[in-house]
């Protein structure tokens, strides 16, 4: 499973990035079930399908436009032994989350 946090400078920019990410995710993983969630600053693009090794997943996420800081933080969390990565927040204030790619 791959989760992408797609933000833009404005809604039109975020729309374009989301469509590009969705198209590319579906092209790379035709068996994936791709869902789009609207966020305050953009979209969450979630591809439910085969799991990739962590390093490959980070490359795919970066290539498809996932938030660069989010990817870097996940790489750091992996090095310190955390299992809490590739999480997309549905509600930041109430700490409600759903984990996209369990490891």
N, C-alpha and C. Protein backbone atom coordinates (compact mmCIF):
# COMPACT_ATOMS: atom_id res chain seq x y z
N UNK A 1 0.84 -1.18 0.00
CA UNK A 1 0.00 0.00 0.00
C UNK A 1 0.88 1.24 0.00
N UNK A 2 0.44 2.24 -0.71
CA UNK A 2 1.20 3.48 -0.80
C UNK A 2 0.26 4.64 -0.53
N UNK A 3 0.69 5.53 0.37
CA UNK A 3 -0.09 6.73 0.66
C UNK A 3 0.72 7.96 0.32
N UNK A 4 0.09 8.88 -0.39
CA UNK A 4 0.76 10.11 -0.80
C UNK A 4 0.01 11.31 -0.23
N UNK A 5 0.75 12.26 0.30
CA UNK A 5 0.18 13.53 0.75
C UNK A 5 0.54 14.55 -0.33
N UNK A 6 -0.47 14.96 -1.09
CA UNK A 6 -0.26 15.86 -2.22
C UNK A 6 -0.83 17.24 -1.86
N UNK A 7 0.05 18.22 -1.72
CA UNK A 7 -0.36 19.60 -1.46
C UNK A 7 0.06 20.46 -2.64
N UNK A 8 -0.53 21.65 -2.74
CA UNK A 8 -0.17 22.56 -3.82
C UNK A 8 -0.13 23.99 -3.33
N UNK A 9 0.39 24.87 -4.19
CA UNK A 9 0.42 26.30 -3.87
C UNK A 9 -0.99 26.87 -3.85
N UNK A 10 -1.87 26.26 -4.63
CA UNK A 10 -3.29 26.64 -4.67
C UNK A 10 -4.07 25.41 -5.07
N UNK A 11 -5.39 25.51 -5.09
CA UNK A 11 -6.22 24.33 -5.37
C UNK A 11 -5.96 23.78 -6.78
N UNK A 12 -5.80 24.65 -7.78
CA UNK A 12 -5.56 24.16 -9.14
C UNK A 12 -4.24 23.39 -9.21
N UNK A 13 -3.22 23.87 -8.52
CA UNK A 13 -1.92 23.20 -8.49
C UNK A 13 -2.06 21.84 -7.81
N UNK A 14 -2.77 21.79 -6.69
CA UNK A 14 -2.99 20.54 -5.98
C UNK A 14 -3.81 19.57 -6.83
N UNK A 15 -4.81 20.09 -7.55
CA UNK A 15 -5.62 19.24 -8.43
C UNK A 15 -4.75 18.57 -9.49
N UNK A 16 -3.89 19.35 -10.12
CA UNK A 16 -3.00 18.82 -11.16
C UNK A 16 -2.07 17.75 -10.59
N UNK A 17 -1.45 18.05 -9.44
CA UNK A 17 -0.52 17.10 -8.83
C UNK A 17 -1.25 15.81 -8.43
N UNK A 18 -2.48 15.94 -7.93
CA UNK A 18 -3.26 14.78 -7.52
C UNK A 18 -3.57 13.90 -8.73
N UNK A 19 -4.05 14.53 -9.82
CA UNK A 19 -4.39 13.75 -11.01
C UNK A 19 -3.16 13.04 -11.58
N UNK A 20 -2.04 13.73 -11.57
CA UNK A 20 -0.78 13.15 -12.06
C UNK A 20 -0.37 11.97 -11.18
N UNK A 21 -0.45 12.14 -9.86
CA UNK A 21 -0.08 11.07 -8.93
C UNK A 21 -1.02 9.88 -9.08
N UNK A 22 -2.31 10.14 -9.18
CA UNK A 22 -3.30 9.07 -9.33
C UNK A 22 -3.05 8.29 -10.62
N UNK A 23 -2.86 8.99 -11.72
CA UNK A 23 -2.61 8.34 -13.00
C UNK A 23 -1.36 7.47 -12.94
N UNK A 24 -0.28 8.03 -12.41
CA UNK A 24 0.99 7.30 -12.35
C UNK A 24 0.92 6.11 -11.40
N UNK A 25 0.23 6.27 -10.27
CA UNK A 25 0.07 5.16 -9.32
C UNK A 25 -0.72 4.02 -9.97
N UNK A 26 -1.78 4.36 -10.68
CA UNK A 26 -2.58 3.34 -11.37
C UNK A 26 -1.79 2.69 -12.50
N UNK A 27 -0.93 3.46 -13.15
CA UNK A 27 -0.11 2.92 -14.23
C UNK A 27 0.97 1.97 -13.69
N UNK A 28 1.63 2.37 -12.60
CA UNK A 28 2.68 1.54 -12.02
C UNK A 28 2.13 0.27 -11.36
N UNK A 29 0.96 0.39 -10.75
CA UNK A 29 0.35 -0.72 -10.01
C UNK A 29 -1.09 -0.91 -10.48
N UNK A 30 -1.30 -1.51 -11.65
CA UNK A 30 -2.66 -1.64 -12.19
C UNK A 30 -3.61 -2.42 -11.29
N UNK A 31 -3.06 -3.28 -10.43
CA UNK A 31 -3.91 -4.06 -9.53
C UNK A 31 -4.31 -3.28 -8.28
N UNK A 32 -3.74 -2.11 -8.06
CA UNK A 32 -4.03 -1.31 -6.86
C UNK A 32 -5.42 -0.68 -6.95
N UNK A 33 -6.05 -0.57 -5.81
CA UNK A 33 -7.33 0.11 -5.67
C UNK A 33 -7.02 1.52 -5.14
N UNK A 34 -7.12 2.53 -6.00
CA UNK A 34 -6.68 3.88 -5.66
C UNK A 34 -7.86 4.72 -5.17
N UNK A 35 -7.68 5.35 -4.01
CA UNK A 35 -8.70 6.22 -3.42
C UNK A 35 -8.13 7.63 -3.25
N UNK A 36 -9.00 8.61 -3.35
CA UNK A 36 -8.62 10.01 -3.18
C UNK A 36 -9.41 10.58 -1.99
N UNK A 37 -8.70 11.23 -1.09
CA UNK A 37 -9.32 11.94 0.03
C UNK A 37 -8.96 13.42 -0.09
N UNK A 38 -9.95 14.29 0.00
CA UNK A 38 -9.70 15.73 -0.05
C UNK A 38 -9.23 16.20 1.32
N UNK A 39 -8.15 17.00 1.34
CA UNK A 39 -7.64 17.57 2.58
C UNK A 39 -7.74 19.09 2.50
N UNK A 40 -7.34 19.74 3.56
CA UNK A 40 -7.42 21.20 3.60
C UNK A 40 -6.52 21.86 2.56
N UNK A 41 -5.34 21.27 2.32
CA UNK A 41 -4.36 21.88 1.41
C UNK A 41 -4.13 21.07 0.15
N UNK A 42 -4.87 19.99 -0.05
CA UNK A 42 -4.64 19.16 -1.22
C UNK A 42 -5.41 17.87 -1.14
N UNK A 43 -4.65 16.76 -1.26
CA UNK A 43 -5.27 15.44 -1.34
C UNK A 43 -4.40 14.38 -0.68
N UNK A 44 -5.04 13.30 -0.26
CA UNK A 44 -4.36 12.07 0.06
C UNK A 44 -4.71 11.10 -1.05
N UNK A 45 -3.70 10.58 -1.71
CA UNK A 45 -3.89 9.57 -2.75
C UNK A 45 -3.39 8.26 -2.16
N UNK A 46 -4.29 7.29 -2.05
CA UNK A 46 -3.98 6.04 -1.37
C UNK A 46 -4.17 4.89 -2.34
N UNK A 47 -3.11 4.14 -2.55
CA UNK A 47 -3.18 2.96 -3.42
C UNK A 47 -3.11 1.70 -2.58
N UNK A 48 -4.23 1.01 -2.48
CA UNK A 48 -4.28 -0.25 -1.74
C UNK A 48 -3.90 -1.37 -2.71
N UNK A 49 -2.81 -2.01 -2.44
CA UNK A 49 -2.32 -3.05 -3.32
C UNK A 49 -1.13 -3.74 -2.70
N UNK A 50 -0.21 -4.18 -3.51
CA UNK A 50 0.94 -4.93 -2.97
C UNK A 50 1.85 -4.04 -2.13
N UNK A 51 2.42 -4.64 -1.09
CA UNK A 51 3.40 -3.91 -0.27
C UNK A 51 4.77 -3.99 -0.93
N UNK A 52 5.50 -2.91 -0.83
CA UNK A 52 6.86 -2.84 -1.34
C UNK A 52 7.83 -2.81 -0.18
N UNK A 53 9.08 -3.22 -0.40
CA UNK A 53 10.10 -2.99 0.62
C UNK A 53 10.19 -1.48 0.91
N UNK A 54 10.51 -1.15 2.14
CA UNK A 54 10.48 0.24 2.60
C UNK A 54 11.26 1.18 1.69
N UNK A 55 12.49 0.80 1.31
CA UNK A 55 13.32 1.68 0.48
C UNK A 55 12.67 1.95 -0.87
N UNK A 56 12.11 0.91 -1.49
CA UNK A 56 11.43 1.08 -2.76
C UNK A 56 10.17 1.93 -2.61
N UNK A 57 9.46 1.72 -1.52
CA UNK A 57 8.26 2.51 -1.26
C UNK A 57 8.60 4.00 -1.17
N UNK A 58 9.69 4.34 -0.49
CA UNK A 58 10.10 5.74 -0.36
C UNK A 58 10.45 6.34 -1.72
N UNK A 59 11.10 5.56 -2.57
CA UNK A 59 11.44 6.04 -3.92
C UNK A 59 10.16 6.30 -4.71
N UNK A 60 9.22 5.37 -4.66
CA UNK A 60 7.96 5.54 -5.39
C UNK A 60 7.19 6.74 -4.85
N UNK A 61 7.11 6.87 -3.53
CA UNK A 61 6.41 8.01 -2.93
C UNK A 61 7.03 9.33 -3.37
N UNK A 62 8.35 9.41 -3.32
CA UNK A 62 9.04 10.64 -3.73
C UNK A 62 8.80 10.94 -5.20
N UNK A 63 8.88 9.92 -6.04
CA UNK A 63 8.70 10.09 -7.47
C UNK A 63 7.29 10.54 -7.81
N UNK A 64 6.30 10.04 -7.07
CA UNK A 64 4.90 10.37 -7.35
C UNK A 64 4.44 11.67 -6.70
N UNK A 65 5.33 12.34 -5.97
CA UNK A 65 5.00 13.67 -5.45
C UNK A 65 4.58 13.74 -4.00
N UNK A 66 4.84 12.68 -3.24
CA UNK A 66 4.53 12.74 -1.81
C UNK A 66 5.34 13.86 -1.16
N UNK A 67 4.83 14.41 -0.09
CA UNK A 67 5.49 15.47 0.67
C UNK A 67 6.92 15.02 1.02
N UNK A 68 7.92 15.75 0.54
CA UNK A 68 9.32 15.37 0.74
C UNK A 68 9.70 15.28 2.21
N UNK A 69 9.18 16.20 3.02
CA UNK A 69 9.50 16.18 4.45
C UNK A 69 8.91 14.94 5.10
N UNK A 70 7.72 14.56 4.70
CA UNK A 70 7.06 13.37 5.23
C UNK A 70 7.89 12.11 4.90
N UNK A 71 8.41 12.03 3.69
CA UNK A 71 9.23 10.88 3.30
C UNK A 71 10.52 10.87 4.13
N UNK A 72 11.17 12.02 4.26
CA UNK A 72 12.42 12.10 5.04
C UNK A 72 12.18 11.71 6.51
N UNK A 73 11.07 12.18 7.08
CA UNK A 73 10.75 11.82 8.47
C UNK A 73 10.52 10.32 8.60
N UNK A 74 9.85 9.73 7.64
CA UNK A 74 9.64 8.28 7.68
C UNK A 74 10.95 7.53 7.59
N UNK A 75 11.88 8.00 6.77
CA UNK A 75 13.19 7.35 6.66
C UNK A 75 13.93 7.45 7.99
N UNK A 76 13.83 8.61 8.64
CA UNK A 76 14.46 8.78 9.96
C UNK A 76 13.81 7.85 10.98
N UNK A 77 12.48 7.81 11.00
CA UNK A 77 11.77 6.94 11.94
C UNK A 77 12.19 5.48 11.76
N UNK A 78 12.37 5.07 10.52
CA UNK A 78 12.80 3.69 10.24
C UNK A 78 14.18 3.43 10.83
N UNK A 79 15.10 4.41 10.72
CA UNK A 79 16.46 4.21 11.24
C UNK A 79 16.49 4.10 12.76
N UNK A 80 15.53 4.73 13.45
CA UNK A 80 15.51 4.65 14.92
C UNK A 80 14.61 3.53 15.42
N UNK A 81 14.06 2.75 14.50
CA UNK A 81 13.28 1.59 14.90
C UNK A 81 11.81 1.83 15.12
N UNK A 82 11.30 2.98 14.74
CA UNK A 82 9.87 3.24 14.87
C UNK A 82 9.10 2.48 13.81
N UNK A 83 7.91 2.05 14.15
CA UNK A 83 7.04 1.38 13.18
C UNK A 83 5.87 2.28 12.79
N UNK A 84 5.93 3.53 13.18
CA UNK A 84 4.84 4.47 12.96
C UNK A 84 5.19 5.39 11.79
N UNK A 85 5.14 4.85 10.57
CA UNK A 85 5.44 5.67 9.41
C UNK A 85 4.44 5.40 8.29
N UNK A 86 4.48 6.29 7.30
CA UNK A 86 3.51 6.32 6.21
C UNK A 86 2.09 6.42 6.75
N UNK A 87 1.92 7.35 7.68
CA UNK A 87 0.62 7.61 8.27
C UNK A 87 0.08 8.91 7.68
N UNK A 88 -1.16 8.88 7.25
CA UNK A 88 -1.83 10.09 6.77
C UNK A 88 -2.84 10.50 7.83
N UNK A 89 -2.75 11.73 8.27
CA UNK A 89 -3.63 12.22 9.34
C UNK A 89 -4.96 12.66 8.75
N UNK A 90 -6.04 12.15 9.31
CA UNK A 90 -7.35 12.57 8.87
C UNK A 90 -7.85 13.74 9.71
N UNK A 91 -7.35 13.84 10.94
CA UNK A 91 -7.73 14.94 11.83
C UNK A 91 -6.56 15.22 12.75
N UNK A 92 -5.90 16.34 12.57
CA UNK A 92 -4.69 16.60 13.34
C UNK A 92 -4.98 16.96 14.80
N UNK A 93 -6.00 17.76 15.05
CA UNK A 93 -6.29 18.19 16.42
C UNK A 93 -6.74 17.05 17.31
N UNK A 94 -7.55 16.14 16.78
CA UNK A 94 -8.06 15.03 17.57
C UNK A 94 -7.21 13.78 17.48
N UNK A 95 -6.08 13.85 16.77
CA UNK A 95 -5.13 12.75 16.62
C UNK A 95 -5.74 11.51 15.99
N UNK A 96 -6.75 11.66 15.17
CA UNK A 96 -7.32 10.54 14.45
C UNK A 96 -6.45 10.26 13.24
N UNK A 97 -6.04 9.02 13.06
CA UNK A 97 -5.20 8.68 11.93
C UNK A 97 -5.67 7.38 11.29
N UNK A 98 -5.18 7.12 10.13
CA UNK A 98 -5.27 5.77 9.58
C UNK A 98 -3.92 5.48 8.99
N UNK A 99 -3.45 4.28 9.25
CA UNK A 99 -2.12 3.90 8.78
C UNK A 99 -2.26 3.31 7.39
N UNK A 100 -1.45 3.77 6.50
CA UNK A 100 -1.56 3.35 5.11
C UNK A 100 -0.79 2.08 4.84
N UNK A 101 0.43 2.00 5.29
CA UNK A 101 1.25 0.85 4.92
C UNK A 101 1.85 0.20 6.17
N UNK A 102 1.12 -0.75 6.75
CA UNK A 102 1.69 -1.42 7.92
C UNK A 102 2.92 -2.22 7.53
N UNK A 103 3.88 -2.29 8.43
CA UNK A 103 5.12 -3.00 8.16
C UNK A 103 5.22 -4.20 9.08
